[in-house]
Amino acid sequence: MESSVKSPCIKVCKYDIDKNCIGCHLSMEEISNWILLSDDEKRQVLKNAEERSKTPIKGKNDFDYYV
């Protein structure tokens, strides 16, 4: 069954010091688990990411990736 909740990925996988993507604002854990989540769980992750997007980026780290 295909999910009705679309991934927020914009293919800018660069992480801040807290290991949150500065492109979609999901944590590494949320990204890893995305495919396993129910639609309700995905909506909650998106809500959390939206809140996270409102906070300033804390800094650079060694987790910089581009896809």
N, C-alpha and C. Protein backbone atom coordinates (compact mmCIF):
# COMPACT_ATOMS: atom_id res chain seq x y z
N MET A 1 0.84 -1.18 0.00
CA MET A 1 0.00 0.00 0.00
C MET A 1 0.88 1.24 0.00
N GLU A 2 0.63 2.13 -0.90
CA GLU A 2 1.42 3.35 -1.03
C GLU A 2 0.91 4.42 -0.06
N SER A 3 1.84 5.16 0.50
CA SER A 3 1.51 6.21 1.47
C SER A 3 0.95 7.43 0.76
N SER A 4 0.00 8.09 1.40
CA SER A 4 -0.54 9.33 0.85
C SER A 4 0.26 10.55 1.33
N VAL A 5 1.20 10.31 2.26
CA VAL A 5 2.03 11.39 2.79
C VAL A 5 3.37 11.40 2.05
N LYS A 6 3.65 12.48 1.37
CA LYS A 6 4.87 12.59 0.57
C LYS A 6 6.07 12.94 1.43
N SER A 7 7.20 12.42 1.03
CA SER A 7 8.45 12.73 1.72
C SER A 7 8.79 14.21 1.51
N PRO A 8 9.32 14.86 2.54
CA PRO A 8 9.69 16.27 2.41
C PRO A 8 11.08 16.47 1.79
N CYS A 9 11.72 15.39 1.38
CA CYS A 9 13.09 15.46 0.87
C CYS A 9 13.18 16.39 -0.35
N ILE A 10 14.18 17.30 -0.30
CA ILE A 10 14.44 18.18 -1.44
C ILE A 10 15.84 17.93 -1.99
N LYS A 11 16.42 16.77 -1.60
CA LYS A 11 17.72 16.33 -2.08
C LYS A 11 18.86 17.29 -1.73
N VAL A 12 18.75 17.91 -0.57
CA VAL A 12 19.82 18.72 0.01
C VAL A 12 20.11 18.09 1.37
N CYS A 13 20.81 16.97 1.36
CA CYS A 13 21.05 16.22 2.60
C CYS A 13 22.32 16.73 3.25
N LYS A 14 22.17 17.79 3.99
CA LYS A 14 23.26 18.40 4.74
C LYS A 14 22.76 18.56 6.16
N TYR A 15 23.56 18.12 7.13
CA TYR A 15 23.09 18.03 8.50
C TYR A 15 23.73 19.05 9.42
N ASP A 16 22.92 19.54 10.36
CA ASP A 16 23.44 20.45 11.36
C ASP A 16 24.08 19.65 12.50
N ILE A 17 24.54 20.33 13.51
CA ILE A 17 25.26 19.69 14.60
C ILE A 17 24.39 18.70 15.38
N ASP A 18 23.07 18.87 15.33
CA ASP A 18 22.14 17.95 16.00
C ASP A 18 21.71 16.79 15.10
N LYS A 19 22.35 16.68 13.94
CA LYS A 19 22.06 15.63 12.96
C LYS A 19 20.65 15.76 12.38
N ASN A 20 20.20 17.00 12.19
CA ASN A 20 18.95 17.30 11.51
C ASN A 20 19.28 17.84 10.13
N CYS A 21 18.58 17.35 9.13
CA CYS A 21 18.81 17.80 7.76
C CYS A 21 18.40 19.25 7.61
N ILE A 22 19.27 20.06 7.02
CA ILE A 22 18.92 21.47 6.82
C ILE A 22 18.03 21.66 5.59
N GLY A 23 17.84 20.60 4.80
CA GLY A 23 16.96 20.66 3.64
C GLY A 23 15.51 20.39 4.02
N CYS A 24 15.26 19.24 4.65
CA CYS A 24 13.88 18.85 4.98
C CYS A 24 13.58 18.98 6.47
N HIS A 25 14.60 19.20 7.29
CA HIS A 25 14.48 19.38 8.74
C HIS A 25 14.13 18.09 9.49
N LEU A 26 14.23 16.94 8.83
CA LEU A 26 14.04 15.68 9.53
C LEU A 26 15.36 15.27 10.16
N SER A 27 15.25 14.53 11.27
CA SER A 27 16.45 14.01 11.91
C SER A 27 16.93 12.80 11.12
N MET A 28 18.17 12.41 11.33
CA MET A 28 18.69 11.21 10.66
C MET A 28 17.82 10.00 10.98
N GLU A 29 17.37 9.90 12.22
CA GLU A 29 16.53 8.79 12.64
C GLU A 29 15.18 8.81 11.91
N GLU A 30 14.58 9.99 11.79
CA GLU A 30 13.30 10.11 11.09
C GLU A 30 13.46 9.75 9.62
N ILE A 31 14.55 10.17 9.01
CA ILE A 31 14.79 9.83 7.60
C ILE A 31 14.95 8.33 7.44
N SER A 32 15.71 7.72 8.34
CA SER A 32 15.94 6.27 8.27
C SER A 32 14.66 5.48 8.45
N ASN A 33 13.75 5.97 9.28
CA ASN A 33 12.53 5.24 9.60
C ASN A 33 11.33 5.62 8.72
N TRP A 34 11.48 6.62 7.87
CA TRP A 34 10.36 7.17 7.11
C TRP A 34 9.53 6.08 6.43
N ILE A 35 10.17 5.18 5.74
CA ILE A 35 9.46 4.15 4.97
C ILE A 35 8.66 3.20 5.87
N LEU A 36 9.03 3.12 7.13
CA LEU A 36 8.37 2.21 8.07
C LEU A 36 7.19 2.85 8.81
N LEU A 37 7.06 4.17 8.70
CA LEU A 37 6.05 4.89 9.46
C LEU A 37 4.68 4.83 8.81
N SER A 38 3.64 4.85 9.65
CA SER A 38 2.27 4.96 9.14
C SER A 38 2.06 6.40 8.69
N ASP A 39 0.98 6.65 7.98
CA ASP A 39 0.68 8.01 7.52
C ASP A 39 0.52 8.97 8.70
N ASP A 40 -0.13 8.50 9.77
CA ASP A 40 -0.29 9.35 10.95
C ASP A 40 1.06 9.68 11.57
N GLU A 41 1.95 8.71 11.64
CA GLU A 41 3.29 8.95 12.18
C GLU A 41 4.06 9.91 11.29
N LYS A 42 3.92 9.77 9.98
CA LYS A 42 4.59 10.68 9.05
C LYS A 42 4.09 12.11 9.22
N ARG A 43 2.79 12.26 9.42
CA ARG A 43 2.24 13.60 9.64
C ARG A 43 2.82 14.22 10.91
N GLN A 44 3.00 13.42 11.95
CA GLN A 44 3.58 13.92 13.19
C GLN A 44 5.04 14.30 12.97
N VAL A 45 5.78 13.49 12.21
CA VAL A 45 7.18 13.80 11.90
C VAL A 45 7.26 15.12 11.13
N LEU A 46 6.36 15.32 10.17
CA LEU A 46 6.35 16.56 9.40
C LEU A 46 6.03 17.75 10.28
N LYS A 47 5.12 17.56 11.23
CA LYS A 47 4.79 18.64 12.17
C LYS A 47 6.01 18.98 13.03
N ASN A 48 6.70 17.95 13.52
CA ASN A 48 7.91 18.16 14.31
C ASN A 48 8.98 18.87 13.48
N ALA A 49 9.12 18.46 12.23
CA ALA A 49 10.13 19.06 11.34
C ALA A 49 9.80 20.53 11.07
N GLU A 50 8.52 20.84 10.93
CA GLU A 50 8.12 22.23 10.71
C GLU A 50 8.51 23.10 11.91
N GLU A 51 8.29 22.58 13.10
CA GLU A 51 8.69 23.31 14.31
C GLU A 51 10.21 23.46 14.36
N ARG A 52 10.91 22.40 14.02
CA ARG A 52 12.37 22.41 14.01
C ARG A 52 12.91 23.42 13.00
N SER A 53 12.20 23.60 11.91
CA SER A 53 12.65 24.51 10.86
C SER A 53 12.62 25.97 11.32
N LYS A 54 11.88 26.25 12.37
CA LYS A 54 11.76 27.62 12.88
C LYS A 54 12.90 28.00 13.82
N THR A 55 13.72 27.02 14.20
CA THR A 55 14.84 27.30 15.10
C THR A 55 16.10 27.54 14.29
N PRO A 56 16.96 28.41 14.74
CA PRO A 56 18.20 28.69 14.01
C PRO A 56 19.10 27.45 13.91
N ILE A 57 19.82 27.34 12.81
CA ILE A 57 20.78 26.25 12.63
C ILE A 57 21.95 26.50 13.56
N LYS A 58 22.32 25.45 14.33
CA LYS A 58 23.34 25.61 15.36
C LYS A 58 24.76 25.61 14.84
N GLY A 59 25.02 24.99 13.71
CA GLY A 59 26.39 25.01 13.21
C GLY A 59 26.72 23.84 12.31
N LYS A 60 27.92 23.86 11.80
CA LYS A 60 28.38 22.82 10.89
C LYS A 60 28.89 21.63 11.68
N ASN A 61 29.05 20.51 10.97
CA ASN A 61 29.60 19.31 11.58
C ASN A 61 30.20 18.43 10.50
N ASP A 62 30.46 17.19 10.82
CA ASP A 62 31.05 16.25 9.86
C ASP A 62 30.01 15.43 9.12
N PHE A 63 28.74 15.78 9.22
CA PHE A 63 27.68 15.00 8.60
C PHE A 63 27.12 15.73 7.37
N ASP A 64 27.96 16.18 6.49
CA ASP A 64 27.53 16.90 5.30
C ASP A 64 27.49 15.95 4.11
N TYR A 65 26.31 15.75 3.54
CA TYR A 65 26.14 14.87 2.40
C TYR A 65 25.26 15.55 1.35
N TYR A 66 25.47 15.24 0.12
CA TYR A 66 24.63 15.71 -0.96
C TYR A 66 24.21 14.51 -1.78
N VAL A 67 22.95 14.49 -2.20
CA VAL A 67 22.47 13.41 -3.06
C VAL A 67 22.00 13.96 -4.37
